[in-house]
């Protein structure tokens, strides 16, 4: 399975599961992740989602073996699977926490940035690798980066494709916190009862 879903107390842990390819995204994987997000939202006991990656990396971006020999029309079709996934994450009614272990590159970096709270292990690295193959950042990168780290830094990250360490990314505001390792999730406290509506005047 390209995605592993664990139903835990009050939340779901969704794990990208192609460790042999550093969890590089495929069309099948993007569709499975979208379906897992929809299923989590439909579960009224699910109050949050934890997104992480199996093995030594979070996500190395799009699996480029999918686009070898592809025509421009094929590329458009492939990208059509990834951009809606980012929009779906941003529109979810429950928070998504991303735990980055190892590399988050290209579309994988921007998938992480789309989440509401981003935690990273000290071993994590962040790279907008698109320029290395003559592309501009996709999956929301051109929108997220300047708003998180500022225009000057965003421009350099996009044009130079240099890796950013976990500590520097946290200092720049790209993510919330850097930790010794990605923490073991804790059990969520019971949901607070709904407050009664204020009396009408």
N, C-alpha and C. Protein backbone atom coordinates (compact mmCIF):
# COMPACT_ATOMS: atom_id res chain seq x y z
N UNK A 1 0.84 -1.20 0.00
CA UNK A 1 0.00 0.00 0.00
C UNK A 1 0.88 1.25 0.00
N UNK A 2 0.51 2.23 -0.79
CA UNK A 2 1.28 3.47 -0.84
C UNK A 2 0.95 4.40 0.32
N UNK A 3 -0.16 4.15 0.99
CA UNK A 3 -0.59 4.94 2.14
C UNK A 3 -1.00 3.99 3.25
N UNK A 4 -0.56 4.27 4.46
CA UNK A 4 -0.99 3.49 5.63
C UNK A 4 -1.77 4.42 6.55
N UNK A 5 -2.98 4.00 6.92
CA UNK A 5 -3.83 4.81 7.79
C UNK A 5 -4.03 4.08 9.11
N UNK A 6 -3.75 4.78 10.20
CA UNK A 6 -3.99 4.23 11.54
C UNK A 6 -5.05 5.08 12.22
N UNK A 7 -6.12 4.42 12.67
CA UNK A 7 -7.19 5.12 13.38
C UNK A 7 -6.87 5.08 14.87
N UNK A 8 -6.55 6.23 15.42
CA UNK A 8 -6.14 6.33 16.82
C UNK A 8 -7.16 7.15 17.60
N UNK A 9 -6.91 7.32 18.87
CA UNK A 9 -7.89 7.98 19.74
C UNK A 9 -8.02 9.45 19.39
N UNK A 10 -9.05 9.80 18.67
CA UNK A 10 -9.34 11.19 18.34
C UNK A 10 -8.67 11.72 17.10
N UNK A 11 -7.79 10.95 16.47
CA UNK A 11 -7.12 11.43 15.25
C UNK A 11 -6.70 10.25 14.38
N UNK A 12 -6.24 10.58 13.18
CA UNK A 12 -5.72 9.55 12.27
C UNK A 12 -4.28 9.87 11.92
N UNK A 13 -3.47 8.83 11.87
CA UNK A 13 -2.09 8.97 11.39
C UNK A 13 -2.04 8.40 9.98
N UNK A 14 -1.65 9.25 9.04
CA UNK A 14 -1.53 8.85 7.64
C UNK A 14 -0.05 8.85 7.29
N UNK A 15 0.45 7.71 6.85
CA UNK A 15 1.87 7.56 6.55
C UNK A 15 2.08 7.32 5.06
N UNK A 16 2.90 8.17 4.45
CA UNK A 16 3.31 7.92 3.06
C UNK A 16 4.21 6.69 3.07
N UNK A 17 3.91 5.70 2.23
CA UNK A 17 4.55 4.40 2.39
C UNK A 17 5.18 3.88 1.10
N UNK A 18 6.19 4.60 0.63
CA UNK A 18 7.05 4.10 -0.44
C UNK A 18 8.50 4.36 -0.01
N UNK A 19 8.91 3.77 1.11
CA UNK A 19 10.23 4.11 1.66
C UNK A 19 11.38 3.79 0.71
N UNK A 20 11.21 2.81 -0.16
CA UNK A 20 12.28 2.48 -1.11
C UNK A 20 12.52 3.59 -2.13
N UNK A 21 11.53 4.49 -2.28
CA UNK A 21 11.64 5.63 -3.20
C UNK A 21 11.56 6.95 -2.42
N UNK A 22 11.92 6.92 -1.14
CA UNK A 22 11.81 8.09 -0.28
C UNK A 22 10.41 8.70 -0.35
N UNK A 23 9.41 7.82 -0.47
CA UNK A 23 7.99 8.21 -0.48
C UNK A 23 7.66 9.20 -1.59
N UNK A 24 8.35 9.05 -2.72
CA UNK A 24 8.06 9.90 -3.88
C UNK A 24 6.61 9.70 -4.32
N UNK A 25 5.97 10.79 -4.70
CA UNK A 25 4.54 10.76 -5.02
C UNK A 25 4.28 10.19 -6.41
N UNK A 26 3.24 9.40 -6.49
CA UNK A 26 2.71 8.92 -7.76
C UNK A 26 1.24 9.31 -7.84
N UNK A 27 0.67 9.17 -9.02
CA UNK A 27 -0.76 9.46 -9.18
C UNK A 27 -1.58 8.58 -8.25
N UNK A 28 -1.23 7.29 -8.19
CA UNK A 28 -1.94 6.36 -7.31
C UNK A 28 -1.84 6.79 -5.85
N UNK A 29 -0.67 7.23 -5.44
CA UNK A 29 -0.45 7.64 -4.06
C UNK A 29 -1.23 8.92 -3.73
N UNK A 30 -1.24 9.87 -4.66
CA UNK A 30 -1.99 11.11 -4.44
C UNK A 30 -3.48 10.82 -4.30
N UNK A 31 -4.00 9.90 -5.13
CA UNK A 31 -5.41 9.54 -5.05
C UNK A 31 -5.72 8.85 -3.72
N UNK A 32 -4.81 7.98 -3.28
CA UNK A 32 -5.01 7.28 -2.00
C UNK A 32 -4.97 8.25 -0.84
N UNK A 33 -4.07 9.23 -0.90
CA UNK A 33 -3.98 10.22 0.17
C UNK A 33 -5.24 11.08 0.21
N UNK A 34 -5.73 11.50 -0.94
CA UNK A 34 -6.96 12.29 -1.00
C UNK A 34 -8.13 11.51 -0.40
N UNK A 35 -8.22 10.21 -0.74
CA UNK A 35 -9.30 9.38 -0.22
C UNK A 35 -9.17 9.22 1.29
N UNK A 36 -7.94 9.09 1.80
CA UNK A 36 -7.73 8.96 3.24
C UNK A 36 -8.14 10.24 3.98
N UNK A 37 -7.88 11.38 3.38
CA UNK A 37 -8.28 12.65 3.98
C UNK A 37 -9.80 12.76 4.03
N UNK A 38 -10.46 12.39 2.94
CA UNK A 38 -11.93 12.43 2.91
C UNK A 38 -12.52 11.50 3.96
N UNK A 39 -11.94 10.32 4.09
CA UNK A 39 -12.44 9.35 5.05
C UNK A 39 -12.27 9.85 6.48
N UNK A 40 -11.16 10.52 6.75
CA UNK A 40 -10.93 11.07 8.09
C UNK A 40 -11.95 12.14 8.43
N UNK A 41 -12.24 13.01 7.47
CA UNK A 41 -13.20 14.08 7.71
C UNK A 41 -14.61 13.52 7.93
N UNK A 42 -14.93 12.44 7.23
CA UNK A 42 -16.25 11.84 7.38
C UNK A 42 -16.45 11.18 8.73
N UNK A 43 -15.36 10.85 9.42
CA UNK A 43 -15.42 10.23 10.74
C UNK A 43 -15.56 11.33 11.80
N UNK A 44 -16.70 11.43 12.42
CA UNK A 44 -16.97 12.52 13.37
C UNK A 44 -16.13 12.41 14.64
N UNK A 45 -15.52 11.25 14.88
CA UNK A 45 -14.65 11.11 16.05
C UNK A 45 -13.22 11.57 15.75
N UNK A 46 -12.91 11.83 14.49
CA UNK A 46 -11.57 12.24 14.10
C UNK A 46 -11.47 13.76 14.19
N UNK A 47 -10.59 14.24 15.06
CA UNK A 47 -10.47 15.67 15.31
C UNK A 47 -9.19 16.27 14.75
N UNK A 48 -8.30 15.43 14.24
CA UNK A 48 -7.05 15.93 13.67
C UNK A 48 -6.42 14.82 12.82
N UNK A 49 -5.47 15.22 11.98
CA UNK A 49 -4.75 14.27 11.13
C UNK A 49 -3.26 14.50 11.33
N UNK A 50 -2.51 13.42 11.48
CA UNK A 50 -1.06 13.47 11.52
C UNK A 50 -0.53 12.85 10.23
N UNK A 51 0.24 13.61 9.49
CA UNK A 51 0.81 13.15 8.22
C UNK A 51 2.31 13.00 8.38
N UNK A 52 2.84 11.84 8.01
CA UNK A 52 4.28 11.60 8.12
C UNK A 52 4.71 10.64 7.02
N UNK A 53 5.99 10.30 7.01
CA UNK A 53 6.52 9.41 5.97
C UNK A 53 7.22 8.21 6.58
N UNK A 54 7.16 7.08 5.90
CA UNK A 54 7.84 5.86 6.36
C UNK A 54 9.31 5.90 5.97
N UNK A 55 10.14 5.28 6.79
CA UNK A 55 11.55 5.16 6.44
C UNK A 55 12.36 6.40 6.77
N UNK A 56 13.38 6.65 5.96
CA UNK A 56 14.36 7.70 6.28
C UNK A 56 14.05 9.05 5.64
N UNK A 57 12.91 9.21 5.01
CA UNK A 57 12.56 10.49 4.42
C UNK A 57 11.06 10.73 4.48
N UNK A 58 10.67 12.00 4.43
CA UNK A 58 9.25 12.33 4.40
C UNK A 58 8.68 12.14 3.01
N UNK A 59 9.20 12.88 2.03
CA UNK A 59 8.72 12.74 0.65
C UNK A 59 9.71 13.44 -0.28
N UNK A 60 10.19 12.71 -1.27
CA UNK A 60 11.18 13.24 -2.21
C UNK A 60 10.55 13.95 -3.39
N UNK A 61 9.25 14.26 -3.31
CA UNK A 61 8.58 14.94 -4.41
C UNK A 61 7.91 13.97 -5.36
N UNK A 62 7.66 14.43 -6.56
CA UNK A 62 7.01 13.57 -7.54
C UNK A 62 7.99 12.51 -8.03
N UNK A 63 7.51 11.30 -8.21
CA UNK A 63 8.32 10.23 -8.78
C UNK A 63 8.53 10.51 -10.27
N UNK A 64 9.74 10.92 -10.63
CA UNK A 64 10.00 11.35 -12.01
C UNK A 64 9.97 10.22 -13.01
N UNK A 65 9.98 8.97 -12.54
CA UNK A 65 9.85 7.86 -13.49
C UNK A 65 8.49 7.87 -14.17
N UNK A 66 7.52 8.57 -13.56
CA UNK A 66 6.19 8.67 -14.17
C UNK A 66 6.17 9.58 -15.39
N UNK A 67 7.16 10.47 -15.50
CA UNK A 67 7.10 11.46 -16.58
C UNK A 67 8.17 11.24 -17.65
N UNK A 68 8.91 10.15 -17.55
CA UNK A 68 9.90 9.86 -18.59
C UNK A 68 9.18 9.67 -19.93
N UNK A 69 9.55 10.47 -20.91
CA UNK A 69 8.94 10.37 -22.24
C UNK A 69 7.55 10.95 -22.32
N UNK A 70 7.10 11.65 -21.27
CA UNK A 70 5.74 12.19 -21.28
C UNK A 70 5.65 13.41 -22.17
N UNK A 71 4.50 13.59 -22.80
CA UNK A 71 4.22 14.76 -23.62
C UNK A 71 3.73 15.89 -22.72
N UNK A 72 3.70 17.14 -23.21
CA UNK A 72 3.15 18.23 -22.39
C UNK A 72 1.73 17.94 -21.90
N UNK A 73 0.92 17.30 -22.74
CA UNK A 73 -0.44 16.96 -22.32
C UNK A 73 -0.43 15.97 -21.16
N UNK A 74 0.51 15.02 -21.21
CA UNK A 74 0.63 14.04 -20.13
C UNK A 74 1.05 14.71 -18.83
N UNK A 75 1.95 15.69 -18.94
CA UNK A 75 2.40 16.40 -17.75
C UNK A 75 1.25 17.15 -17.10
N UNK A 76 0.43 17.79 -17.93
CA UNK A 76 -0.74 18.48 -17.39
C UNK A 76 -1.65 17.52 -16.65
N UNK A 77 -1.82 16.33 -17.21
CA UNK A 77 -2.70 15.33 -16.58
C UNK A 77 -2.13 14.88 -15.24
N UNK A 78 -0.80 14.70 -15.19
CA UNK A 78 -0.18 14.27 -13.94
C UNK A 78 -0.30 15.35 -12.86
N UNK A 79 0.00 16.59 -13.24
CA UNK A 79 -0.06 17.68 -12.26
C UNK A 79 -1.48 17.90 -11.76
N UNK A 80 -2.45 17.55 -12.58
CA UNK A 80 -3.85 17.74 -12.18
C UNK A 80 -4.21 16.88 -10.96
N UNK A 81 -3.39 15.87 -10.65
CA UNK A 81 -3.66 15.04 -9.48
C UNK A 81 -3.07 15.63 -8.21
N UNK A 82 -2.07 16.49 -8.34
CA UNK A 82 -1.35 16.99 -7.17
C UNK A 82 -1.90 18.31 -6.65
N UNK A 83 -2.19 19.24 -7.53
CA UNK A 83 -2.67 20.55 -7.06
C UNK A 83 -3.99 20.44 -6.29
N UNK A 84 -4.98 19.66 -6.74
CA UNK A 84 -6.20 19.52 -5.94
C UNK A 84 -5.95 18.93 -4.56
N UNK A 85 -4.91 18.11 -4.43
CA UNK A 85 -4.58 17.53 -3.12
C UNK A 85 -4.16 18.63 -2.15
N UNK A 86 -3.36 19.58 -2.62
CA UNK A 86 -2.94 20.69 -1.77
C UNK A 86 -4.15 21.54 -1.37
N UNK A 87 -5.02 21.82 -2.34
CA UNK A 87 -6.23 22.61 -2.04
C UNK A 87 -7.13 21.89 -1.03
N UNK A 88 -7.18 20.56 -1.14
CA UNK A 88 -8.00 19.78 -0.21
C UNK A 88 -7.47 19.91 1.21
N UNK A 89 -6.15 19.80 1.37
CA UNK A 89 -5.56 19.91 2.70
C UNK A 89 -5.86 21.28 3.31
N UNK A 90 -5.73 22.33 2.49
CA UNK A 90 -5.97 23.68 3.00
C UNK A 90 -7.42 23.92 3.38
N UNK A 91 -8.33 23.16 2.77
CA UNK A 91 -9.76 23.38 3.00
C UNK A 91 -10.35 22.45 4.06
N UNK A 92 -9.56 21.54 4.61
CA UNK A 92 -10.11 20.59 5.57
C UNK A 92 -10.64 21.30 6.81
N UNK A 93 -11.73 20.81 7.39
CA UNK A 93 -12.29 21.43 8.59
C UNK A 93 -11.58 21.03 9.88
N UNK A 94 -10.61 20.12 9.79
CA UNK A 94 -9.84 19.70 10.96
C UNK A 94 -8.36 19.96 10.68
N UNK A 95 -7.55 20.19 11.72
CA UNK A 95 -6.14 20.51 11.51
C UNK A 95 -5.32 19.31 11.04
N UNK A 96 -4.32 19.61 10.23
CA UNK A 96 -3.37 18.60 9.76
C UNK A 96 -2.00 18.94 10.30
N UNK A 97 -1.42 18.03 11.07
CA UNK A 97 -0.08 18.18 11.61
C UNK A 97 0.86 17.33 10.77
N UNK A 98 1.95 17.91 10.31
CA UNK A 98 2.91 17.17 9.50
C UNK A 98 4.19 16.96 10.30
N UNK A 99 4.65 15.72 10.37
CA UNK A 99 5.90 15.38 11.05
C UNK A 99 6.91 14.96 9.98
N UNK A 100 7.91 15.81 9.75
CA UNK A 100 8.88 15.57 8.68
C UNK A 100 10.11 14.88 9.25
N UNK A 101 10.42 13.76 8.66
CA UNK A 101 11.62 13.01 9.00
C UNK A 101 12.47 12.91 7.73
N UNK A 102 13.73 13.32 7.80
CA UNK A 102 14.58 13.23 6.61
C UNK A 102 14.21 14.27 5.58
N UNK A 103 14.38 13.91 4.31
CA UNK A 103 14.23 14.89 3.23
C UNK A 103 12.76 15.18 2.92
N UNK A 104 12.50 16.46 2.67
CA UNK A 104 11.22 16.91 2.10
C UNK A 104 11.60 17.75 0.89
N UNK A 105 11.41 17.20 -0.30
CA UNK A 105 11.93 17.84 -1.50
C UNK A 105 10.83 18.07 -2.52
N UNK A 106 10.97 19.16 -3.28
CA UNK A 106 10.04 19.44 -4.37
C UNK A 106 8.60 19.47 -3.91
N UNK A 107 7.76 18.70 -4.59
CA UNK A 107 6.35 18.64 -4.21
C UNK A 107 6.17 18.11 -2.80
N UNK A 108 7.11 17.29 -2.32
CA UNK A 108 7.03 16.79 -0.95
C UNK A 108 7.23 17.90 0.06
N UNK A 109 8.13 18.84 -0.24
CA UNK A 109 8.32 19.99 0.65
C UNK A 109 7.05 20.83 0.71
N UNK A 110 6.43 21.04 -0.43
CA UNK A 110 5.24 21.89 -0.46
C UNK A 110 4.01 21.18 0.10
N UNK A 111 3.98 19.87 0.01
CA UNK A 111 2.93 19.10 0.69
C UNK A 111 3.03 19.34 2.19
N UNK A 112 4.24 19.34 2.73
CA UNK A 112 4.43 19.60 4.16
C UNK A 112 4.01 21.02 4.52
N UNK A 113 4.38 21.99 3.68
CA UNK A 113 4.05 23.39 3.95
C UNK A 113 2.55 23.65 3.92
N UNK A 114 1.81 22.80 3.22
CA UNK A 114 0.36 22.98 3.14
C UNK A 114 -0.34 22.64 4.44
N UNK A 115 0.34 21.92 5.33
CA UNK A 115 -0.29 21.48 6.57
C UNK A 115 -0.36 22.63 7.59
N UNK A 116 -1.22 22.47 8.57
CA UNK A 116 -1.47 23.54 9.54
C UNK A 116 -0.33 23.72 10.54
N UNK A 117 0.24 22.62 11.00
CA UNK A 117 1.37 22.66 11.93
C UNK A 117 2.43 21.72 11.39
N UNK A 118 3.67 22.20 11.33
CA UNK A 118 4.75 21.39 10.78
C UNK A 118 5.84 21.23 11.82
N UNK A 119 6.11 19.98 12.18
CA UNK A 119 7.21 19.62 13.07
C UNK A 119 8.27 18.90 12.26
N UNK A 120 9.53 19.10 12.61
CA UNK A 120 10.59 18.44 11.86
C UNK A 120 11.65 17.88 12.79
N UNK A 121 12.15 16.69 12.45
CA UNK A 121 13.31 16.14 13.15
C UNK A 121 14.54 16.95 12.78
N UNK A 122 15.55 16.94 13.65
CA UNK A 122 16.77 17.69 13.35
C UNK A 122 17.46 17.15 12.10
N UNK A 123 17.18 15.91 11.75
CA UNK A 123 17.76 15.32 10.54
C UNK A 123 17.04 15.75 9.27
N UNK A 124 15.93 16.48 9.41
CA UNK A 124 15.13 16.85 8.24
C UNK A 124 15.85 17.91 7.41
N UNK A 125 15.57 17.90 6.12
CA UNK A 125 16.06 18.95 5.23
C UNK A 125 14.95 19.29 4.25
N UNK A 126 14.97 20.51 3.80
CA UNK A 126 13.91 21.07 2.97
C UNK A 126 14.56 21.60 1.70
N UNK A 127 14.09 21.19 0.53
CA UNK A 127 14.70 21.68 -0.71
C UNK A 127 13.65 21.84 -1.81
N UNK A 128 13.63 23.01 -2.40
CA UNK A 128 12.80 23.27 -3.58
C UNK A 128 13.61 22.84 -4.80
N UNK A 129 13.53 21.55 -5.12
CA UNK A 129 14.44 20.95 -6.10
C UNK A 129 14.05 21.22 -7.55
N UNK A 130 12.99 21.95 -7.79
CA UNK A 130 12.44 22.11 -9.13
C UNK A 130 13.44 22.69 -10.13
N UNK A 131 14.24 23.68 -9.69
CA UNK A 131 15.16 24.34 -10.60
C UNK A 131 16.20 23.37 -11.16
N UNK A 132 16.46 22.29 -10.47
CA UNK A 132 17.45 21.32 -10.94
C UNK A 132 17.01 20.61 -12.22
N UNK A 133 15.70 20.62 -12.48
CA UNK A 133 15.20 20.01 -13.71
C UNK A 133 14.44 21.03 -14.57
N UNK A 134 14.73 22.30 -14.33
CA UNK A 134 14.19 23.35 -15.18
C UNK A 134 12.73 23.68 -14.94
N UNK A 135 12.24 23.49 -13.71
CA UNK A 135 10.84 23.77 -13.39
C UNK A 135 10.73 24.86 -12.34
N UNK A 136 9.55 25.41 -12.20
CA UNK A 136 9.25 26.32 -11.10
C UNK A 136 8.50 25.53 -10.03
N UNK A 137 8.53 25.96 -8.78
CA UNK A 137 7.84 25.21 -7.72
C UNK A 137 6.35 25.06 -8.00
N UNK A 138 5.86 23.84 -7.83
CA UNK A 138 4.43 23.58 -7.98
C UNK A 138 3.86 23.18 -6.63
N UNK A 139 2.64 22.66 -6.64
CA UNK A 139 1.96 22.23 -5.42
C UNK A 139 1.91 23.34 -4.36
N UNK A 140 1.73 24.57 -4.82
CA UNK A 140 1.55 25.69 -3.90
C UNK A 140 2.83 26.35 -3.43
N UNK A 141 3.99 25.90 -3.90
CA UNK A 141 5.25 26.43 -3.41
C UNK A 141 5.40 27.92 -3.62
N UNK A 142 5.00 28.41 -4.79
CA UNK A 142 5.15 29.85 -5.07
C UNK A 142 4.20 30.69 -4.22
N UNK A 143 3.18 30.08 -3.66
CA UNK A 143 2.26 30.79 -2.77
C UNK A 143 2.73 30.71 -1.33
N UNK A 144 3.12 29.50 -0.88
CA UNK A 144 3.50 29.30 0.52
C UNK A 144 4.80 30.01 0.88
N UNK A 145 5.84 29.84 0.05
CA UNK A 145 7.18 30.28 0.44
C UNK A 145 7.29 31.76 0.78
N UNK A 146 6.86 32.67 -0.10
CA UNK A 146 7.03 34.09 0.26
C UNK A 146 6.25 34.49 1.49
N UNK A 147 5.14 33.83 1.76
CA UNK A 147 4.33 34.16 2.93
C UNK A 147 4.94 33.62 4.22
N UNK A 148 5.74 32.58 4.10
CA UNK A 148 6.36 31.98 5.28
C UNK A 148 7.74 32.55 5.58
N UNK A 149 8.57 32.72 4.55
CA UNK A 149 9.97 33.10 4.79
C UNK A 149 10.33 34.45 4.18
N UNK A 150 9.40 35.09 3.48
CA UNK A 150 9.70 36.36 2.86
C UNK A 150 10.09 36.21 1.40
N UNK A 151 9.93 37.28 0.65
CA UNK A 151 10.15 37.23 -0.79
C UNK A 151 11.59 36.92 -1.17
N UNK A 152 12.56 37.57 -0.52
CA UNK A 152 13.96 37.39 -0.89
C UNK A 152 14.41 35.94 -0.67
N UNK A 153 14.08 35.38 0.48
CA UNK A 153 14.47 34.00 0.76
C UNK A 153 13.72 33.03 -0.14
N UNK A 154 12.44 33.29 -0.38
CA UNK A 154 11.66 32.41 -1.25
C UNK A 154 12.25 32.38 -2.66
N UNK A 155 12.65 33.55 -3.16
CA UNK A 155 13.22 33.62 -4.49
C UNK A 155 14.51 32.81 -4.58
N UNK A 156 15.37 32.94 -3.57
CA UNK A 156 16.64 32.20 -3.57
C UNK A 156 16.40 30.70 -3.46
N UNK A 157 15.47 30.29 -2.60
CA UNK A 157 15.18 28.86 -2.46
C UNK A 157 14.69 28.27 -3.78
N UNK A 158 13.83 29.02 -4.47
CA UNK A 158 13.26 28.52 -5.73
C UNK A 158 14.29 28.48 -6.86
N UNK A 159 15.16 29.49 -6.93
CA UNK A 159 16.09 29.60 -8.05
C UNK A 159 17.37 28.78 -7.86
N UNK A 160 17.83 28.64 -6.62
CA UNK A 160 19.09 27.96 -6.37
C UNK A 160 18.93 26.49 -6.01
N UNK A 161 17.73 26.09 -5.55
CA UNK A 161 17.46 24.70 -5.18
C UNK A 161 18.46 24.17 -4.16
N UNK A 162 18.88 25.04 -3.25
CA UNK A 162 19.80 24.60 -2.20
C UNK A 162 19.02 24.05 -1.01
N UNK A 163 19.52 22.98 -0.39
CA UNK A 163 18.82 22.43 0.78
C UNK A 163 18.87 23.37 1.96
N UNK A 164 17.81 23.35 2.73
CA UNK A 164 17.67 24.17 3.93
C UNK A 164 17.61 23.24 5.13
N UNK A 165 18.46 23.48 6.12
CA UNK A 165 18.47 22.61 7.29
C UNK A 165 17.22 22.82 8.13
N UNK A 166 16.92 21.86 8.97
CA UNK A 166 15.74 21.94 9.83
C UNK A 166 15.83 23.15 10.76
N UNK A 167 17.00 23.39 11.33
CA UNK A 167 17.14 24.51 12.26
C UNK A 167 16.92 25.85 11.56
N UNK A 168 17.52 26.00 10.37
CA UNK A 168 17.36 27.26 9.64
C UNK A 168 15.92 27.46 9.20
N UNK A 169 15.28 26.37 8.75
CA UNK A 169 13.89 26.48 8.32
C UNK A 169 12.99 26.93 9.46
N UNK A 170 13.26 26.43 10.66
CA UNK A 170 12.47 26.86 11.82
C UNK A 170 12.75 28.32 12.17
N UNK A 171 14.01 28.73 12.09
CA UNK A 171 14.38 30.12 12.38
C UNK A 171 13.70 31.07 11.38
N UNK A 172 13.60 30.66 10.14
CA UNK A 172 13.00 31.48 9.09
C UNK A 172 11.48 31.48 9.13
N UNK A 173 10.89 30.57 9.90
CA UNK A 173 9.44 30.50 9.98
C UNK A 173 8.79 29.57 8.99
N UNK A 174 9.59 28.72 8.33
CA UNK A 174 9.02 27.78 7.37
C UNK A 174 8.20 26.71 8.09
N UNK A 175 8.62 26.35 9.30
CA UNK A 175 7.81 25.44 10.10
C UNK A 175 7.90 25.81 11.56
N UNK A 176 7.08 25.14 12.36
CA UNK A 176 6.88 25.58 13.74
C UNK A 176 8.04 25.24 14.64
N UNK A 177 8.47 23.97 14.63
CA UNK A 177 9.44 23.54 15.63
C UNK A 177 10.31 22.42 15.09
N UNK A 178 11.58 22.45 15.48
CA UNK A 178 12.52 21.37 15.17
C UNK A 178 12.79 20.60 16.46
N UNK A 179 12.79 19.27 16.34
CA UNK A 179 12.92 18.43 17.52
C UNK A 179 14.02 17.40 17.28
N UNK A 180 14.44 16.75 18.37
CA UNK A 180 15.47 15.73 18.26
C UNK A 180 15.05 14.60 17.34
N UNK A 181 13.78 14.26 17.39
CA UNK A 181 13.19 13.29 16.49
C UNK A 181 11.71 13.61 16.41
N UNK A 182 11.04 13.06 15.42
CA UNK A 182 9.61 13.31 15.34
C UNK A 182 8.93 12.66 16.54
N UNK A 183 8.16 13.42 17.33
CA UNK A 183 7.64 12.92 18.60
C UNK A 183 6.58 11.85 18.41
N UNK A 184 6.48 11.00 19.42
CA UNK A 184 5.39 10.03 19.43
C UNK A 184 4.10 10.74 19.77
N UNK A 185 3.07 10.61 18.93
CA UNK A 185 1.83 11.34 19.20
C UNK A 185 1.22 10.93 20.53
N UNK A 186 0.65 11.89 21.22
CA UNK A 186 -0.03 11.62 22.48
C UNK A 186 -1.52 11.49 22.25
N UNK A 187 -2.17 10.82 23.18
CA UNK A 187 -3.61 10.69 23.12
C UNK A 187 -4.26 12.06 23.27
N UNK A 188 -5.19 12.38 22.41
CA UNK A 188 -5.87 13.66 22.50
C UNK A 188 -6.82 13.65 23.69
N UNK A 189 -6.96 14.78 24.39
CA UNK A 189 -7.92 14.85 25.49
C UNK A 189 -9.34 14.76 24.96
N UNK A 190 -10.29 14.40 25.82
CA UNK A 190 -11.69 14.31 25.36
C UNK A 190 -12.16 15.63 24.79
N UNK A 191 -13.02 15.53 23.80
CA UNK A 191 -13.56 16.74 23.18
C UNK A 191 -14.41 17.49 24.20
N UNK A 192 -14.28 18.81 24.19
CA UNK A 192 -15.09 19.64 25.09
C UNK A 192 -16.53 19.63 24.62
N UNK A 193 -17.50 19.60 25.56
CA UNK A 193 -18.90 19.65 25.14
C UNK A 193 -19.21 20.97 24.47
N UNK A 194 -20.12 20.92 23.53
CA UNK A 194 -20.50 22.14 22.81
C UNK A 194 -21.08 23.16 23.77
N UNK A 195 -20.69 24.42 23.60
CA UNK A 195 -21.23 25.45 24.45
C UNK A 195 -22.66 25.78 24.07
N UNK A 196 -23.50 26.04 25.05
CA UNK A 196 -24.87 26.40 24.70
C UNK A 196 -24.91 27.75 23.99
N UNK A 197 -25.87 27.90 23.11
CA UNK A 197 -26.00 29.15 22.38
C UNK A 197 -26.38 30.26 23.34
N UNK A 198 -25.86 31.47 23.12
CA UNK A 198 -26.22 32.60 24.02
C UNK A 198 -27.68 32.92 23.89
N UNK A 199 -28.31 33.41 24.96
CA UNK A 199 -29.73 33.72 24.90
C UNK A 199 -30.00 34.83 23.89
N UNK A 200 -31.08 34.71 23.20
CA UNK A 200 -31.44 35.74 22.22
C UNK A 200 -32.03 36.94 22.93
N UNK A 201 -31.83 38.10 22.35
CA UNK A 201 -32.34 39.32 22.97
C UNK A 201 -33.67 39.72 22.35
